[in-house]
Amino acid sequence: MLKELSIFRVIIGYLIGKIFPRIAVKKIVPMLSSENEDTRTAAYITLVKLGSKSSQELLGEARKGHESVACIQILGDQGNPEIIPELEKFQTSSDEKIATAARESIQALKDE
């Protein structure tokens, strides 16, 4: 029941995100660290599906250290090459996971 409730919250977040992407990102990003794998997956897919209108909010969350690696990966998966200059700033992070995620996302965006 709890798992279904979490996924339902992600779906509601997606619907909100179509109109208010900023609010949706703030509600969904914390779900990326859920103990439930289905919830994490649903949150990730939802943020990818919100597309470029959520990019600036995801960048803000990554800069704050809120699930930075996942947010950077999502930005790469959204397929918006205009975000590359912002992602390049993460390549010099002292956190190797963040720097690697940024390099991989940039490469994925360049390959599209």
C-alpha atoms as a PDB file:
ATOM      1  CA  MET A   1       0.000   0.000   0.000  1.00  0.00           C
ATOM      2  CA  LEU A   2       2.809   2.420   0.891  1.00  0.00           C
ATOM      3  CA  LYS A   3       4.567   1.674  -2.414  1.00  0.00           C
ATOM      4  CA  GLU A   4       1.413   2.440  -4.380  1.00  0.00           C
ATOM      5  CA  LEU A   5       0.930   5.660  -2.441  1.00  0.00           C
ATOM      6  CA  SER A   6       4.477   6.798  -3.278  1.00  0.00           C
ATOM      7  CA  ILE A   7       4.008   6.084  -6.973  1.00  0.00           C
ATOM      8  CA  PHE A   8       0.655   7.873  -6.879  1.00  0.00           C
ATOM      9  CA  ARG A   9       2.462  10.919  -5.429  1.00  0.00           C
ATOM     10  CA  VAL A  10       4.924  10.797  -8.334  1.00  0.00           C
ATOM     11  CA  ILE A  11       2.064  10.690 -10.853  1.00  0.00           C
ATOM     12  CA  ILE A  12       0.369  13.645  -9.162  1.00  0.00           C
ATOM     13  CA  GLY A  13       3.721  15.458  -9.264  1.00  0.00           C
ATOM     14  CA  TYR A  14       3.949  14.840 -13.002  1.00  0.00           C
ATOM     15  CA  LEU A  15       0.488  16.252 -13.593  1.00  0.00           C
ATOM     16  CA  ILE A  16       1.338  19.317 -11.504  1.00  0.00           C
ATOM     17  CA  GLY A  17       4.606  19.616 -13.412  1.00  0.00           C
ATOM     18  CA  LYS A  18       2.842  20.061 -16.714  1.00  0.00           C
ATOM     19  CA  ILE A  19       1.572  23.394 -15.381  1.00  0.00           C
ATOM     20  CA  PHE A  20       3.969  24.208 -12.515  1.00  0.00           C
ATOM     21  CA  PRO A  21       7.316  22.505 -13.209  1.00  0.00           C
ATOM     22  CA  ARG A  22       9.076  24.276 -10.345  1.00  0.00           C
ATOM     23  CA  ILE A  23       6.676  22.862  -7.765  1.00  0.00           C
ATOM     24  CA  ALA A  24       6.804  19.394  -9.306  1.00  0.00           C
ATOM     25  CA  VAL A  25      10.605  19.243  -9.280  1.00  0.00           C
ATOM     26  CA  LYS A  26      10.708  20.268  -5.622  1.00  0.00           C
ATOM     27  CA  LYS A  27       8.178  17.538  -4.765  1.00  0.00           C
ATOM     28  CA  ILE A  28       9.648  14.777  -6.929  1.00  0.00           C
ATOM     29  CA  VAL A  29      13.431  15.181  -6.445  1.00  0.00           C
ATOM     30  CA  PRO A  30      13.308  13.912  -2.826  1.00  0.00           C
ATOM     31  CA  MET A  31      11.631  10.745  -4.128  1.00  0.00           C
ATOM     32  CA  LEU A  32      14.837   9.939  -6.039  1.00  0.00           C
ATOM     33  CA  SER A  33      16.269   8.758  -2.716  1.00  0.00           C
ATOM     34  CA  SER A  34      13.259   6.652  -1.728  1.00  0.00           C
ATOM     35  CA  GLU A  35      13.947   3.242  -0.228  1.00  0.00           C
ATOM     36  CA  ASN A  36      11.478   1.829  -2.740  1.00  0.00           C
ATOM     37  CA  GLU A  37      13.038   1.131  -6.135  1.00  0.00           C
ATOM     38  CA  ASP A  38       9.730   1.534  -7.983  1.00  0.00           C
ATOM     39  CA  THR A  39       9.286   4.998  -6.483  1.00  0.00           C
ATOM     40  CA  ARG A  40      12.845   6.017  -7.423  1.00  0.00           C
ATOM     41  CA  THR A  41      12.328   4.765 -10.976  1.00  0.00           C
ATOM     42  CA  ALA A  42       8.955   6.481 -11.333  1.00  0.00           C
ATOM     43  CA  ALA A  43      10.435   9.748 -10.017  1.00  0.00           C
ATOM     44  CA  TYR A  44      13.366   9.565 -12.452  1.00  0.00           C
ATOM     45  CA  ILE A  45      11.164   8.810 -15.462  1.00  0.00           C
ATOM     46  CA  THR A  46       8.707  11.525 -14.479  1.00  0.00           C
ATOM     47  CA  LEU A  47      11.433  14.156 -14.263  1.00  0.00           C
ATOM     48  CA  VAL A  48      12.808  13.094 -17.651  1.00  0.00           C
ATOM     49  CA  LYS A  49       9.306  13.284 -19.158  1.00  0.00           C
ATOM     50  CA  LEU A  50       8.768  16.808 -17.813  1.00  0.00           C
ATOM     51  CA  GLY A  51      11.448  17.797 -20.289  1.00  0.00           C
ATOM     52  CA  SER A  52      13.273  21.048 -20.741  1.00  0.00           C
ATOM     53  CA  LYS A  53      10.715  23.143 -18.902  1.00  0.00           C
ATOM     54  CA  SER A  54      12.030  21.537 -15.700  1.00  0.00           C
ATOM     55  CA  SER A  55      15.725  21.932 -16.586  1.00  0.00           C
ATOM     56  CA  GLN A  56      16.390  25.116 -14.646  1.00  0.00           C
ATOM     57  CA  GLU A  57      14.751  23.708 -11.543  1.00  0.00           C
ATOM     58  CA  LEU A  58      16.790  20.501 -11.805  1.00  0.00           C
ATOM     59  CA  LEU A  59      19.968  22.551 -12.158  1.00  0.00           C
ATOM     60  CA  GLY A  60      19.033  24.464  -9.024  1.00  0.00           C
ATOM     61  CA  GLU A  61      18.460  21.244  -7.095  1.00  0.00           C
ATOM     62  CA  ALA A  62      21.803  19.853  -8.324  1.00  0.00           C
ATOM     63  CA  ARG A  63      23.616  23.031  -7.244  1.00  0.00           C
ATOM     64  CA  LYS A  64      22.067  22.752  -3.782  1.00  0.00           C
ATOM     65  CA  GLY A  65      23.301  19.171  -3.488  1.00  0.00           C
ATOM     66  CA  HIS A  66      19.827  17.642  -3.622  1.00  0.00           C
ATOM     67  CA  GLU A  67      20.333  14.351  -5.460  1.00  0.00           C
ATOM     68  CA  SER A  68      22.938  16.082  -7.653  1.00  0.00           C
ATOM     69  CA  VAL A  69      24.060  12.995  -9.569  1.00  0.00           C
ATOM     70  CA  ALA A  70      20.506  11.941 -10.427  1.00  0.00           C
ATOM     71  CA  CYS A  71      19.508  15.495 -11.403  1.00  0.00           C
ATOM     72  CA  ILE A  72      22.509  15.772 -13.724  1.00  0.00           C
ATOM     73  CA  GLN A  73      21.738  12.385 -15.278  1.00  0.00           C
ATOM     74  CA  ILE A  74      18.118  13.416 -15.783  1.00  0.00           C
ATOM     75  CA  LEU A  75      19.242  16.603 -17.520  1.00  0.00           C
ATOM     76  CA  GLY A  76      21.270  14.469 -19.913  1.00  0.00           C
ATOM     77  CA  ASP A  77      18.339  12.143 -20.520  1.00  0.00           C
ATOM     78  CA  GLN A  78      15.977  15.027 -21.263  1.00  0.00           C
ATOM     79  CA  GLY A  79      17.841  15.586 -24.522  1.00  0.00           C
ATOM     80  CA  ASN A  80      18.147  19.374 -24.437  1.00  0.00           C
ATOM     81  CA  PRO A  81      21.636  20.345 -25.739  1.00  0.00           C
ATOM     82  CA  GLU A  82      21.089  23.959 -24.665  1.00  0.00           C
ATOM     83  CA  ILE A  83      21.814  22.835 -21.091  1.00  0.00           C
ATOM     84  CA  ILE A  84      25.400  21.731 -21.926  1.00  0.00           C
ATOM     85  CA  PRO A  85      27.059  25.009 -20.790  1.00  0.00           C
ATOM     86  CA  GLU A  86      25.448  24.609 -17.369  1.00  0.00           C
ATOM     87  CA  LEU A  87      26.422  20.948 -17.128  1.00  0.00           C
ATOM     88  CA  GLU A  88      30.032  21.822 -17.984  1.00  0.00           C
ATOM     89  CA  LYS A  89      30.286  23.664 -14.672  1.00  0.00           C
ATOM     90  CA  PHE A  90      29.750  20.387 -12.814  1.00  0.00           C
ATOM     91  CA  GLN A  91      32.697  18.680 -14.566  1.00  0.00           C
ATOM     92  CA  THR A  92      35.135  20.268 -12.144  1.00  0.00           C
ATOM     93  CA  SER A  93      33.282  19.157  -9.015  1.00  0.00           C
ATOM     94  CA  SER A  94      35.448  17.695  -6.263  1.00  0.00           C
ATOM     95  CA  ASP A  95      32.827  14.940  -6.014  1.00  0.00           C
ATOM     96  CA  GLU A  96      33.903  12.445  -8.668  1.00  0.00           C
ATOM     97  CA  LYS A  97      30.357  11.037  -9.020  1.00  0.00           C
ATOM     98  CA  ILE A  98      29.016  14.482  -9.885  1.00  0.00           C
ATOM     99  CA  ALA A  99      31.876  15.210 -12.306  1.00  0.00           C
ATOM    100  CA  THR A 100      31.405  11.836 -14.015  1.00  0.00           C
ATOM    101  CA  ALA A 101      27.634  12.304 -14.284  1.00  0.00           C
ATOM    102  CA  ALA A 102      28.206  15.708 -15.877  1.00  0.00           C
ATOM    103  CA  ARG A 103      30.703  14.349 -18.424  1.00  0.00           C
ATOM    104  CA  GLU A 104      28.408  11.443 -19.320  1.00  0.00           C
ATOM    105  CA  SER A 105      25.358  13.702 -19.665  1.00  0.00           C
ATOM    106  CA  ILE A 106      27.249  16.146 -21.876  1.00  0.00           C
ATOM    107  CA  GLN A 107      28.458  13.301 -24.078  1.00  0.00           C
ATOM    108  CA  ALA A 108      24.937  11.886 -24.357  1.00  0.00           C
ATOM    109  CA  LEU A 109      23.583  15.293 -25.361  1.00  0.00           C
ATOM    110  CA  LYS A 110      26.324  15.754 -27.972  1.00  0.00           C
ATOM    111  CA  ASP A 111      25.640  12.303 -29.417  1.00  0.00           C
ATOM    112  CA  GLU A 112      21.942  13.010 -30.015  1.00  0.00           C
END
